[in-house]
Amino acid sequence: MLLLGLLLLSQVAAFVGRIALISSHQAIVEAMDNDAGEGVKVGQRSHWVNDNGFRYYGPLYYRIAQTLSWTSFSTGAENLPPALENEKAVHFSLMLLSLLSVYGLAWVLASLLTRDHLLKMLGVMLIAPACLLNPIWSQFLFTVHPDLFLAFLCAAAMAASLRMAADPDDAFRWKWAAFWWGLTLSTKLSALFLMPAQLVFLWKKGDGRGTFERCKRFTWFTLAVYLIVGFPQNFDFYGNIRSLAGLSRYSHSPTWESFFDWWRLWGVQAWAPLMTLLGFAVFLQAFPAVAERAAPSLRRSWWWIPAALSGMLLLSVRRLILIHDYYVFPFVAVAWVLAAWLFSRWSFRPALHSPWARGLVMLVGLAIALPMIPPSLQANQRVLARMRSCQPAFEKAFDIMSKVVDRGGKVLVTPYTPRPLSPLTKVHWEITDERMTEFAPSLMVMNPIRYYGRFTDGDDVSEYVKTNNKEWPQVQAFYRRFAHRNEAQTADGRTWKKLQDEELLRCGIEVWEP
C-alpha cells in the first residue's frame, strides 16, 4: 500500500510541477486566456465572508483557492514585486484546486467500484490521467475556470444521490446528497439542470405525500447549504438569477445539427475515461476483496438513468450561437458516475475458479485501462508546451507597455494582451475611432489572432459578435485600418507603425507606435 501511495503521490507531484511551470501574474494569464485573467482577479478579491462581485460563477471555487494561496510558496525565481507575486500565487492555487478536482473526481468513480482503499488508489492512478486525454480538459487544468471543480462536485453529488435513492428516508443519506448539491450550486448555477433528477431519486411508488415531503426537506437543506457556504454573496438571488438569465441572449431554438453537436462534444470527452472505467471494472473481478458491492442497489428499475442524463438533454435542446466545450463538463462527469455504477453491478467472479483465470481477467482489464495513460500524459504535455510557448513574448510585450506607462504614456489594448494594471492602460472590447481619439493613447497593443480577427476576417461577422457588440460596424471599421498591415492612419490624423518583432507577431501580439 505504501508503494502504491508513493506512486500516486509522484503522479500528482508531476502534474503540480507542470502547473508551477505555467503559473504567472495576471497580465500574462490574461494574454493566454481572458477569462482566466478575470479569474485571477476574482480570486484575489475573494474571501470566505465577502461578495467578490462576480456573478457568472459562485464564490466557492475562488474562496477555497484563496485559502490555498495563503500557504503556497513562491513558484518562480523572477523576484517579482509583491503584488505580482501574490497574483502568481493565486493563479497557482486556482490551478492546484482544478488538479485536485480531477483526482477527487477519479476517487469518486473508484469508490463506486470498490471499497478496498488499495484498489481505490490504483483506480485513481488510472482514471485521473484518462480524464486529461481530451485537450480541453488539459487546457482547463492550466487555466483558471471553476468547471473542473464543478465536474468533481457534480460527480460527488450524483454519487450521493444514487446512495440516497436506495433509501430516501435515511436522514444521513438525503442530507449528505443535499450537502453536495448545495456546494455544487454555490460553484455554478448551471447545476440547476441536474436538480430535476432528484425527484426520481426521492420518489416512492404509492407514496405521493411522502415524496412531496422528502422533496421539500431536500430542497430546503440544499438551499441552506448554498446560502451558508456562499454567504453573503449567494443571498443576492436577483443578481445571480439575472446573470444566469442574461446568457439566454446567446440561446436560440435548437436544430438537429445543434442537438447532435452537443452530444458529439459529450461523447468525445467521455470515451477515454469510460474505457478506463471498463478496464478497471474488469480488473477488479479478480479480487475477492470487492465481492461486496461498493455502490448501492436501487429500488426502481432503470428510471434513474434517463433522470440522471436529463441535464444533458436539457442542454442539448438549446442552440447557442457560441458553443464552449466546457459546458458539458458536469454532464460528462455524471455519465462517468452512471457508468461506474453500472459496472459495479457486474459479477462473474464465481466463474473464476483458478488463479490462471483470475490472472487472465487482470491482464484483460489492464490491457483495456493502461493504454489510456501514455497518450493522456502526452496530450497534457502538448497542451502545456503550446501554452508556455508564448509566455516569453507576453513578458516582452508587458515590459514594453510598462515602460510606456512609467513614462506617463497611455496604452490602449484589446483583450488577450498582457497589459499592466494602471490607470494609464485601458482595455476595450469595442474600440472605435471616437473612443481611440478620446483616450489619445501613446501606444496601442492588439491581438488579431485571439480577438480582433473576428471583426476583420471574412465579409461578415458572426452572430455571436453581432449579439455581443452592438456597435460592431464602427468597431469593424476601426480594426480594418490595421488588419494585415504594417502601417495605418487613424481618424485623428496620426500614422501608426507596427513593431516588427517576429516573436510577438507569432503569438498574436501587435504593438503599434505613432
Protein backbone atom coordinates (compact mmCIF):
# COMPACT_ATOMS: atom_id res chain seq x y z
CA MET A 1 0.00 0.00 0.00
CA LEU A 2 2.89 2.34 0.82
CA LEU A 3 4.44 1.77 -2.61
CA LEU A 4 1.16 2.45 -4.40
CA GLY A 5 0.64 5.55 -2.27
CA LEU A 6 4.09 6.83 -3.25
CA LEU A 7 3.37 6.17 -6.92
CA LEU A 8 0.09 8.09 -6.69
CA LEU A 9 1.82 10.93 -4.87
CA SER A 10 4.55 11.08 -7.51
CA GLN A 11 1.93 11.22 -10.26
CA VAL A 12 0.18 14.14 -8.56
CA ALA A 13 3.54 15.83 -7.93
CA ALA A 14 4.39 15.60 -11.64
CA PHE A 15 1.20 17.48 -12.52
CA VAL A 16 1.86 20.01 -9.75
CA GLY A 17 5.26 20.63 -11.32
CA ARG A 18 3.59 21.28 -14.65
CA ILE A 19 1.17 23.85 -13.27
CA ALA A 20 4.05 25.52 -11.41
CA LEU A 21 5.82 25.96 -14.76
CA ILE A 22 2.93 27.90 -16.27
CA SER A 23 1.81 29.89 -13.22
CA SER A 24 2.23 33.62 -13.76
CA HIS A 25 0.87 37.00 -12.79
CA GLN A 26 -2.46 38.29 -14.02
CA ALA A 27 -1.27 40.20 -17.11
CA ILE A 28 0.39 37.13 -18.63
CA VAL A 29 -2.56 34.90 -17.73
CA GLU A 30 -4.92 37.40 -19.35
CA ALA A 31 -2.97 37.22 -22.60
CA MET A 32 -3.28 33.43 -22.65
CA ASP A 33 -6.98 33.37 -21.72
CA ASN A 34 -9.04 36.46 -20.97
CA ASP A 35 -11.47 34.56 -18.74
CA ALA A 36 -8.57 33.07 -16.80
CA GLY A 37 -7.15 36.55 -16.21
CA GLU A 38 -10.52 37.60 -14.85
CA GLY A 39 -10.45 34.50 -12.65
CA VAL A 40 -7.13 35.55 -11.08
CA LYS A 41 -8.61 38.98 -10.41
CA VAL A 42 -11.71 37.46 -8.79
CA GLY A 43 -9.57 35.04 -6.78
CA GLN A 44 -7.55 37.90 -5.32
CA ARG A 45 -10.60 39.72 -4.02
CA SER A 46 -12.40 36.61 -2.72
CA HIS A 47 -12.59 35.78 0.97
CA TRP A 48 -14.81 33.49 3.00
CA VAL A 49 -17.19 36.19 4.16
CA ASN A 50 -17.39 38.73 1.34
CA ASP A 51 -19.01 39.36 -2.02
CA ASN A 52 -16.44 39.16 -4.81
CA GLY A 53 -18.82 40.89 -7.23
CA PHE A 54 -18.60 38.10 -9.82
CA ARG A 55 -21.94 36.58 -10.75
CA TYR A 56 -21.24 34.16 -13.62
CA TYR A 57 -19.79 31.66 -11.15
CA GLY A 58 -20.43 31.15 -7.45
CA PRO A 59 -17.83 32.06 -4.81
CA LEU A 60 -16.83 28.58 -3.55
CA TYR A 61 -14.04 27.81 -6.06
CA TYR A 62 -12.38 31.18 -5.57
CA ARG A 63 -12.67 31.09 -1.78
CA ILE A 64 -11.00 27.69 -1.48
CA ALA A 65 -8.23 28.76 -3.87
CA GLN A 66 -7.66 31.98 -1.93
CA THR A 67 -7.24 29.88 1.22
CA LEU A 68 -4.75 27.62 -0.58
CA SER A 69 -2.78 30.67 -1.72
CA TRP A 70 -2.10 31.63 1.89
CA THR A 71 0.04 28.52 2.27
CA SER A 72 1.54 28.40 -1.23
CA PHE A 73 5.19 29.18 -1.72
CA SER A 74 6.82 31.24 -4.45
CA THR A 75 6.61 29.31 -7.71
CA GLY A 76 9.36 31.11 -9.56
CA ALA A 77 12.66 32.93 -9.17
CA GLU A 78 11.81 36.10 -11.11
CA ASN A 79 11.97 38.29 -7.99
CA LEU A 80 8.61 39.83 -8.83
CA PRO A 81 7.12 42.76 -6.92
CA PRO A 82 4.86 41.64 -4.04
CA ALA A 83 1.65 42.48 -5.93
CA LEU A 84 2.65 40.37 -8.94
CA GLU A 85 3.92 37.56 -6.72
CA ASN A 86 0.54 37.49 -4.99
CA GLU A 87 -1.20 37.26 -8.38
CA LYS A 88 1.06 34.37 -9.30
CA ALA A 89 0.34 32.58 -6.01
CA VAL A 90 -3.41 32.94 -6.58
CA HIS A 91 -3.06 31.64 -10.16
CA PHE A 92 -1.08 28.63 -8.92
CA SER A 93 -3.67 27.91 -6.21
CA LEU A 94 -6.57 28.09 -8.65
CA MET A 95 -4.86 25.59 -10.96
CA LEU A 96 -3.94 23.38 -8.00
CA LEU A 97 -7.60 23.24 -6.97
CA SER A 98 -8.54 22.22 -10.53
CA LEU A 99 -5.93 19.44 -10.40
CA LEU A 100 -7.20 18.23 -7.03
CA SER A 101 -10.70 18.26 -8.52
CA VAL A 102 -9.63 15.84 -11.27
CA TYR A 103 -8.19 13.46 -8.67
CA GLY A 104 -11.25 13.94 -6.45
CA LEU A 105 -13.45 13.00 -9.41
CA ALA A 106 -11.32 9.91 -10.01
CA TRP A 107 -11.66 8.96 -6.32
CA VAL A 108 -15.47 9.26 -6.51
CA LEU A 109 -15.54 6.94 -9.53
CA ALA A 110 -13.15 4.41 -8.00
CA SER A 111 -15.20 4.43 -4.77
CA LEU A 112 -18.27 3.33 -6.71
CA LEU A 113 -16.37 0.29 -7.98
CA THR A 114 -14.59 -0.95 -4.85
CA ARG A 115 -14.44 -0.46 -1.09
CA ASP A 116 -10.81 -1.55 -0.86
CA HIS A 117 -8.58 1.50 -0.33
CA LEU A 118 -5.57 -0.03 -2.05
CA LEU A 119 -7.58 -0.77 -5.17
CA LYS A 120 -9.15 2.69 -4.98
CA MET A 121 -5.69 4.25 -5.18
CA LEU A 122 -4.89 2.11 -8.21
CA GLY A 123 -8.16 3.21 -9.80
CA VAL A 124 -7.37 6.87 -9.18
CA MET A 125 -3.96 6.45 -10.81
CA LEU A 126 -5.65 5.01 -13.91
CA ILE A 127 -8.73 7.25 -14.12
CA ALA A 128 -7.31 10.71 -13.37
CA PRO A 129 -4.83 10.82 -16.31
CA ALA A 130 -7.53 9.45 -18.65
CA CYS A 131 -9.72 12.45 -17.80
CA LEU A 132 -6.98 14.69 -19.19
CA LEU A 133 -6.70 12.91 -22.55
CA ASN A 134 -9.14 15.37 -24.08
CA PRO A 135 -7.22 18.62 -24.85
CA ILE A 136 -9.94 20.86 -23.44
CA TRP A 137 -9.72 19.13 -20.04
CA SER A 138 -5.94 19.54 -20.06
CA GLN A 139 -6.29 23.16 -21.12
CA PHE A 140 -8.64 23.86 -18.24
CA LEU A 141 -6.11 22.36 -15.86
CA PHE A 142 -3.72 25.14 -16.88
CA THR A 143 -6.24 27.98 -16.98
CA VAL A 144 -8.49 29.44 -14.33
CA HIS A 145 -12.05 28.19 -14.69
CA PRO A 146 -14.19 26.57 -11.97
CA ASP A 147 -15.52 23.96 -14.41
CA LEU A 148 -13.21 21.08 -13.42
CA PHE A 149 -14.13 21.77 -9.80
CA LEU A 150 -17.78 21.84 -10.87
CA ALA A 151 -17.38 18.47 -12.63
CA PHE A 152 -15.97 16.94 -9.44
CA LEU A 153 -18.81 18.34 -7.32
CA CYS A 154 -21.45 17.13 -9.79
CA ALA A 155 -19.92 13.64 -9.73
CA ALA A 156 -19.79 13.58 -5.93
CA ALA A 157 -23.35 14.91 -5.68
CA MET A 158 -24.72 12.39 -8.19
CA ALA A 159 -22.92 9.54 -6.40
CA ALA A 160 -24.51 10.72 -3.14
CA SER A 161 -27.91 10.88 -4.87
CA LEU A 162 -27.53 7.28 -6.05
CA ARG A 163 -26.88 6.22 -2.47
CA MET A 164 -29.83 8.31 -1.31
CA ALA A 165 -32.09 6.62 -3.88
CA ALA A 166 -31.52 3.26 -2.18
CA ASP A 167 -33.30 4.61 0.91
CA PRO A 168 -34.53 8.22 0.57
CA ASP A 169 -35.91 8.19 4.13
CA ASP A 170 -32.45 7.66 5.62
CA ALA A 171 -31.66 11.05 7.20
CA PHE A 172 -27.91 10.82 6.69
CA ARG A 173 -28.18 9.84 3.02
CA TRP A 174 -30.54 12.61 1.93
CA LYS A 175 -28.69 15.25 3.97
CA TRP A 176 -25.35 14.10 2.55
CA ALA A 177 -26.71 14.36 -1.00
CA ALA A 178 -28.29 17.77 -0.32
CA PHE A 179 -24.98 18.97 1.14
CA TRP A 180 -23.11 18.14 -2.08
CA TRP A 181 -25.78 19.72 -4.26
CA GLY A 182 -25.58 22.88 -2.16
CA LEU A 183 -21.82 23.03 -2.79
CA THR A 184 -22.40 22.41 -6.49
CA LEU A 185 -24.91 25.24 -6.84
CA SER A 186 -22.55 27.52 -4.93
CA THR A 187 -19.98 26.89 -7.66
CA LYS A 188 -22.19 27.45 -10.71
CA LEU A 189 -25.96 27.78 -11.02
CA SER A 190 -25.97 25.80 -14.26
CA ALA A 191 -26.07 22.76 -11.95
CA LEU A 192 -29.79 23.54 -11.76
CA PHE A 193 -30.04 21.47 -14.97
CA LEU A 194 -29.35 18.40 -12.83
CA MET A 195 -31.74 19.16 -9.99
CA PRO A 196 -35.00 17.82 -11.54
CA ALA A 197 -33.44 14.34 -11.49
CA GLN A 198 -33.54 14.40 -7.69
CA LEU A 199 -37.32 13.98 -7.83
CA VAL A 200 -36.84 10.46 -9.24
CA PHE A 201 -34.30 9.57 -6.56
CA LEU A 202 -36.66 10.77 -3.80
CA TRP A 203 -39.82 9.18 -5.20
CA LYS A 204 -41.51 6.11 -3.73
CA LYS A 205 -44.31 4.35 -5.57
CA GLY A 206 -47.69 4.87 -3.93
CA ASP A 207 -46.33 7.46 -1.52
CA GLY A 208 -47.09 10.77 -3.20
CA ARG A 209 -47.39 12.79 0.01
CA GLY A 210 -44.20 11.28 1.40
CA THR A 211 -42.38 12.07 -1.84
CA PHE A 212 -43.54 15.68 -1.61
CA GLU A 213 -42.27 15.94 1.98
CA ARG A 214 -38.93 14.39 1.03
CA CYS A 215 -38.51 16.81 -1.89
CA LYS A 216 -39.40 19.75 0.34
CA ARG A 217 -36.88 18.95 3.07
CA PHE A 218 -34.22 18.07 0.49
CA THR A 219 -34.74 21.42 -1.24
CA TRP A 220 -34.63 23.41 1.99
CA PHE A 221 -31.45 21.66 3.16
CA THR A 222 -29.78 22.23 -0.23
CA LEU A 223 -30.77 25.90 -0.10
CA ALA A 224 -29.41 26.23 3.43
CA VAL A 225 -26.03 24.81 2.40
CA TYR A 226 -26.00 27.07 -0.67
CA LEU A 227 -26.63 30.17 1.45
CA ILE A 228 -24.23 29.30 4.27
CA VAL A 229 -21.31 28.35 2.02
CA GLY A 230 -21.80 31.40 -0.20
CA PHE A 231 -22.65 33.96 2.49
CA PRO A 232 -23.24 36.84 1.82
CA GLN A 233 -22.88 36.63 -1.97
CA ASN A 234 -25.43 33.88 -2.50
CA PHE A 235 -28.12 35.93 -0.77
CA ASP A 236 -28.24 38.12 -3.88
CA PHE A 237 -30.83 35.94 -5.61
CA TYR A 238 -31.78 38.65 -8.06
CA GLY A 239 -28.22 39.30 -9.23
CA ASN A 240 -27.35 35.61 -9.53
CA ILE A 241 -30.50 34.67 -11.43
CA ARG A 242 -30.19 37.75 -13.63
CA SER A 243 -26.65 36.77 -14.64
CA LEU A 244 -27.81 33.26 -15.48
CA ALA A 245 -30.83 34.55 -17.39
CA GLY A 246 -28.64 37.07 -19.23
CA LEU A 247 -26.94 34.21 -21.02
CA SER A 248 -30.25 33.47 -22.73
CA ARG A 249 -29.42 36.13 -25.32
CA TYR A 250 -26.95 33.64 -26.78
CA SER A 251 -29.60 30.89 -26.97
CA HIS A 252 -31.96 30.16 -29.86
CA SER A 253 -34.33 27.44 -30.96
CA PRO A 254 -32.48 24.15 -31.49
CA THR A 255 -31.79 22.40 -34.75
CA TRP A 256 -30.89 18.78 -35.34
CA GLU A 257 -27.35 19.93 -36.09
CA SER A 258 -27.03 21.78 -32.77
CA PHE A 259 -28.59 18.82 -30.93
CA PHE A 260 -26.05 16.36 -32.32
CA ASP A 261 -23.19 18.85 -31.82
CA TRP A 262 -23.86 18.79 -28.08
CA TRP A 263 -23.91 15.00 -27.92
CA ARG A 264 -20.80 14.79 -30.11
CA LEU A 265 -18.96 17.00 -27.60
CA TRP A 266 -20.25 14.82 -24.80
CA GLY A 267 -19.08 11.62 -26.48
CA VAL A 268 -15.65 12.96 -27.45
CA GLN A 269 -14.93 13.98 -23.86
CA ALA A 270 -16.45 10.93 -22.20
CA TRP A 271 -14.99 7.98 -24.10
CA ALA A 272 -11.43 7.66 -22.73
CA PRO A 273 -12.34 7.60 -19.01
CA LEU A 274 -15.26 5.29 -19.87
CA MET A 275 -12.79 2.82 -21.38
CA THR A 276 -10.58 3.16 -18.31
CA LEU A 277 -13.54 2.54 -16.01
CA LEU A 278 -14.43 -0.53 -18.06
CA GLY A 279 -10.89 -1.89 -17.84
CA PHE A 280 -10.66 -1.21 -14.11
CA ALA A 281 -14.04 -2.88 -13.51
CA VAL A 282 -12.86 -6.00 -15.38
CA PHE A 283 -9.59 -5.95 -13.43
CA LEU A 284 -11.49 -5.86 -10.11
CA GLN A 285 -13.31 -9.11 -10.92
CA ALA A 286 -10.14 -10.99 -9.97
CA PHE A 287 -10.22 -9.76 -6.36
CA PRO A 288 -12.40 -11.28 -3.63
CA ALA A 289 -11.97 -8.02 -1.70
CA VAL A 290 -14.56 -6.41 -3.93
CA ALA A 291 -17.14 -9.15 -3.57
CA GLU A 292 -19.26 -6.72 -1.55
CA ARG A 293 -20.59 -4.15 -3.96
CA ALA A 294 -19.41 -0.63 -3.31
CA ALA A 295 -22.39 1.08 -4.96
CA PRO A 296 -25.92 0.67 -3.61
CA SER A 297 -28.73 -1.22 -5.29
CA LEU A 298 -31.62 0.98 -6.38
CA ARG A 299 -35.28 0.28 -5.72
CA ARG A 300 -36.69 1.10 -9.14
CA SER A 301 -35.80 -0.49 -12.46
CA TRP A 302 -33.76 1.90 -14.69
CA TRP A 303 -35.68 5.14 -14.23
CA TRP A 304 -32.62 6.74 -12.72
CA ILE A 305 -30.63 6.54 -15.98
CA PRO A 306 -32.76 8.95 -18.05
CA ALA A 307 -33.29 11.01 -14.90
CA ALA A 308 -29.56 11.49 -14.35
CA LEU A 309 -28.97 12.20 -18.05
CA SER A 310 -31.83 14.70 -18.17
CA GLY A 311 -29.41 17.57 -17.51
CA MET A 312 -27.52 16.86 -20.73
CA LEU A 313 -30.82 16.51 -22.56
CA LEU A 314 -31.95 19.93 -21.33
CA LEU A 315 -28.67 21.45 -22.50
CA SER A 316 -28.81 19.78 -25.92
CA VAL A 317 -32.21 21.28 -26.76
CA ARG A 318 -30.67 24.75 -26.69
CA ARG A 319 -28.79 26.14 -29.68
CA LEU A 320 -26.08 28.53 -28.55
CA ILE A 321 -24.51 30.94 -31.01
CA LEU A 322 -21.15 30.11 -29.44
CA ILE A 323 -20.70 26.61 -28.01
CA HIS A 324 -17.97 26.21 -25.41
CA ASP A 325 -16.65 22.70 -24.89
CA TYR A 326 -16.57 23.11 -21.12
CA TYR A 327 -20.35 23.49 -20.93
CA VAL A 328 -20.65 19.69 -20.98
CA PHE A 329 -18.08 19.01 -18.21
CA PRO A 330 -20.65 18.37 -15.44
CA PHE A 331 -22.78 16.16 -17.67
CA VAL A 332 -19.76 14.14 -18.76
CA ALA A 333 -18.84 13.65 -15.09
CA VAL A 334 -22.39 12.46 -14.34
CA ALA A 335 -22.14 9.97 -17.22
CA TRP A 336 -18.96 8.56 -15.69
CA VAL A 337 -20.74 8.14 -12.36
CA LEU A 338 -23.57 6.26 -14.07
CA ALA A 339 -21.08 4.05 -15.92
CA ALA A 340 -19.19 3.28 -12.71
CA TRP A 341 -22.46 2.35 -11.02
CA LEU A 342 -23.44 0.08 -13.91
CA PHE A 343 -20.03 -1.61 -13.95
CA SER A 344 -20.29 -2.17 -10.20
CA ARG A 345 -23.37 -4.37 -10.88
CA TRP A 346 -21.21 -6.90 -12.71
CA SER A 347 -20.13 -10.08 -11.05
CA PHE A 348 -18.62 -13.01 -12.89
CA ARG A 349 -16.20 -13.87 -10.05
CA PRO A 350 -17.92 -17.23 -9.31
CA ALA A 351 -16.81 -18.41 -12.75
CA LEU A 352 -13.16 -17.64 -11.95
CA HIS A 353 -12.24 -20.90 -10.24
CA SER A 354 -8.49 -20.93 -10.88
CA PRO A 355 -5.67 -18.43 -10.32
CA TRP A 356 -5.00 -18.65 -14.05
CA ALA A 357 -8.50 -17.42 -14.86
CA ARG A 358 -8.19 -14.57 -12.37
CA GLY A 359 -4.78 -13.65 -13.77
CA LEU A 360 -6.17 -13.59 -17.30
CA VAL A 361 -9.01 -11.30 -16.21
CA MET A 362 -6.50 -8.97 -14.55
CA LEU A 363 -4.45 -8.81 -17.75
CA VAL A 364 -7.54 -8.12 -19.88
CA GLY A 365 -8.59 -5.32 -17.54
CA LEU A 366 -5.15 -3.73 -17.57
CA ALA A 367 -4.95 -4.14 -21.35
CA ILE A 368 -8.10 -2.00 -21.63
CA ALA A 369 -7.19 0.61 -19.00
CA LEU A 370 -3.42 1.11 -19.29
CA PRO A 371 -3.27 2.21 -22.98
CA MET A 372 -5.14 5.39 -22.00
CA ILE A 373 -2.34 6.67 -19.74
CA PRO A 374 0.61 7.36 -22.13
CA PRO A 375 -1.44 9.34 -24.68
CA SER A 376 -3.12 11.22 -21.81
CA LEU A 377 0.21 12.32 -20.37
CA GLN A 378 1.48 13.21 -23.85
CA ALA A 379 -1.65 15.22 -24.65
CA ASN A 380 -1.31 17.10 -21.39
CA GLN A 381 2.35 17.84 -22.13
CA ARG A 382 1.49 19.13 -25.62
CA VAL A 383 -1.12 21.50 -24.20
CA LEU A 384 1.38 22.73 -21.62
CA ALA A 385 4.08 23.27 -24.27
CA ARG A 386 1.67 25.15 -26.53
CA MET A 387 0.52 27.44 -23.74
CA ARG A 388 4.07 28.07 -22.48
CA SER A 389 5.46 28.78 -25.94
CA CYS A 390 4.17 32.36 -25.93
CA GLN A 391 4.94 33.27 -22.33
CA PRO A 392 8.28 34.94 -23.23
CA ALA A 393 6.52 37.02 -25.91
CA PHE A 394 3.84 38.07 -23.44
CA GLU A 395 6.52 39.06 -20.92
CA LYS A 396 8.26 41.13 -23.60
CA ALA A 397 5.03 42.93 -24.53
CA PHE A 398 4.30 43.52 -20.85
CA ASP A 399 7.73 45.13 -20.40
CA ILE A 400 7.20 47.37 -23.45
CA MET A 401 3.86 48.60 -22.12
CA SER A 402 5.21 49.01 -18.58
CA LYS A 403 7.99 51.32 -19.81
CA VAL A 404 5.46 53.49 -21.65
CA VAL A 405 3.26 53.68 -18.55
CA ASP A 406 6.27 54.51 -16.34
CA ARG A 407 6.96 57.50 -18.62
CA GLY A 408 3.37 58.66 -18.16
CA GLY A 409 2.12 57.47 -21.54
CA LYS A 410 -1.29 55.94 -22.16
CA VAL A 411 -1.73 52.43 -23.57
CA LEU A 412 -4.89 51.22 -25.31
CA VAL A 413 -5.22 47.46 -25.69
CA THR A 414 -7.64 44.80 -26.89
CA PRO A 415 -8.46 41.70 -24.82
CA TYR A 416 -5.91 38.85 -24.84
CA THR A 417 -2.96 41.18 -24.33
CA PRO A 418 -0.64 41.36 -21.27
CA ARG A 419 -1.49 44.87 -20.08
CA PRO A 420 -0.06 46.37 -16.86
CA LEU A 421 -2.67 47.25 -14.25
CA SER A 422 -2.57 51.05 -14.25
CA PRO A 423 -4.98 53.98 -14.72
CA LEU A 424 -2.92 54.77 -17.82
CA THR A 425 -3.83 51.48 -19.51
CA LYS A 426 -7.28 50.78 -20.86
CA VAL A 427 -8.65 47.55 -22.27
CA HIS A 428 -11.66 47.94 -24.52
CA TRP A 429 -13.78 45.27 -26.17
CA GLU A 430 -15.28 47.74 -28.65
CA ILE A 431 -12.62 50.19 -29.82
CA THR A 432 -13.92 52.78 -32.27
CA ASP A 433 -12.34 55.86 -33.84
CA GLU A 434 -14.21 58.04 -31.38
CA ARG A 435 -13.07 56.11 -28.31
CA MET A 436 -9.47 55.94 -29.50
CA THR A 437 -9.38 59.70 -30.17
CA GLU A 438 -10.92 60.44 -26.77
CA PHE A 439 -8.38 58.29 -24.91
CA ALA A 440 -5.41 59.57 -27.01
CA PRO A 441 -3.03 56.63 -26.42
CA SER A 442 0.74 56.75 -26.81
CA LEU A 443 0.79 53.05 -27.69
CA MET A 444 -1.74 50.50 -28.90
CA VAL A 445 -1.42 46.74 -28.44
CA MET A 446 -3.82 44.38 -30.21
CA ASN A 447 -4.31 40.66 -30.69
CA PRO A 448 -5.68 39.77 -34.15
CA ILE A 449 -5.46 36.00 -33.60
CA ARG A 450 -7.50 35.77 -30.40
CA TYR A 451 -9.65 38.87 -30.73
CA TYR A 452 -9.93 41.46 -33.45
CA GLY A 453 -9.66 39.00 -36.33
CA ARG A 454 -13.31 38.11 -35.63
CA PHE A 455 -14.20 41.60 -36.93
CA THR A 456 -11.91 41.69 -39.96
CA ASP A 457 -11.60 38.16 -41.35
CA GLY A 458 -14.34 37.48 -43.87
CA ASP A 459 -17.06 39.59 -45.41
CA ASP A 460 -19.34 39.41 -42.39
CA VAL A 461 -19.03 38.92 -38.64
CA SER A 462 -20.50 36.04 -36.66
CA GLU A 463 -23.86 36.02 -34.95
CA TYR A 464 -22.01 35.98 -31.62
CA VAL A 465 -20.15 39.20 -32.45
CA LYS A 466 -23.35 40.92 -33.52
CA THR A 467 -25.08 39.87 -30.30
CA ASN A 468 -22.17 40.82 -28.05
CA ASN A 469 -21.06 44.03 -29.80
CA LYS A 470 -23.90 46.40 -30.60
CA GLU A 471 -21.58 48.86 -32.36
CA TRP A 472 -19.85 46.20 -34.41
CA PRO A 473 -19.89 48.15 -37.75
CA GLN A 474 -17.89 51.01 -36.17
CA VAL A 475 -15.61 48.54 -34.38
CA GLN A 476 -15.06 46.64 -37.62
CA ALA A 477 -14.20 49.86 -39.46
CA PHE A 478 -11.57 50.71 -36.83
CA TYR A 479 -9.86 47.31 -36.88
CA ARG A 480 -9.83 47.13 -40.66
CA ARG A 481 -7.42 50.07 -40.65
CA PHE A 482 -4.87 47.76 -39.02
CA ALA A 483 -5.67 44.27 -40.29
CA HIS A 484 -2.81 42.67 -42.29
CA ARG A 485 -0.92 45.98 -42.50
CA ASN A 486 2.34 47.35 -41.19
CA GLU A 487 1.22 50.98 -41.24
CA ALA A 488 -2.17 52.57 -40.60
CA GLN A 489 -3.71 56.02 -40.24
CA THR A 490 -6.40 56.71 -37.65
CA ALA A 491 -9.22 59.24 -37.65
CA ASP A 492 -7.22 61.70 -35.52
CA GLY A 493 -4.68 62.04 -38.35
CA ARG A 494 -1.87 60.08 -36.71
CA THR A 495 0.10 57.43 -38.57
CA TRP A 496 0.86 54.23 -36.68
CA LYS A 497 3.59 51.69 -37.42
CA LYS A 498 3.57 48.07 -36.31
CA LEU A 499 6.62 46.89 -34.38
CA GLN A 500 8.30 44.20 -36.47
CA ASP A 501 9.11 41.64 -33.81
CA GLU A 502 8.78 38.07 -35.04
CA GLU A 503 8.34 36.59 -31.55
CA LEU A 504 5.48 38.97 -30.70
CA LEU A 505 3.74 38.58 -34.05
CA ARG A 506 3.92 34.77 -33.90
CA CYS A 507 1.95 34.91 -30.66
CA GLY A 508 -0.60 37.37 -32.00
CA ILE A 509 0.70 40.49 -30.26
CA GLU A 510 0.76 43.61 -32.45
CA VAL A 511 2.46 46.66 -30.92
CA TRP A 512 1.52 49.89 -32.73
CA GLU A 513 3.54 53.08 -32.20
CA PRO A 514 2.71 56.55 -33.60
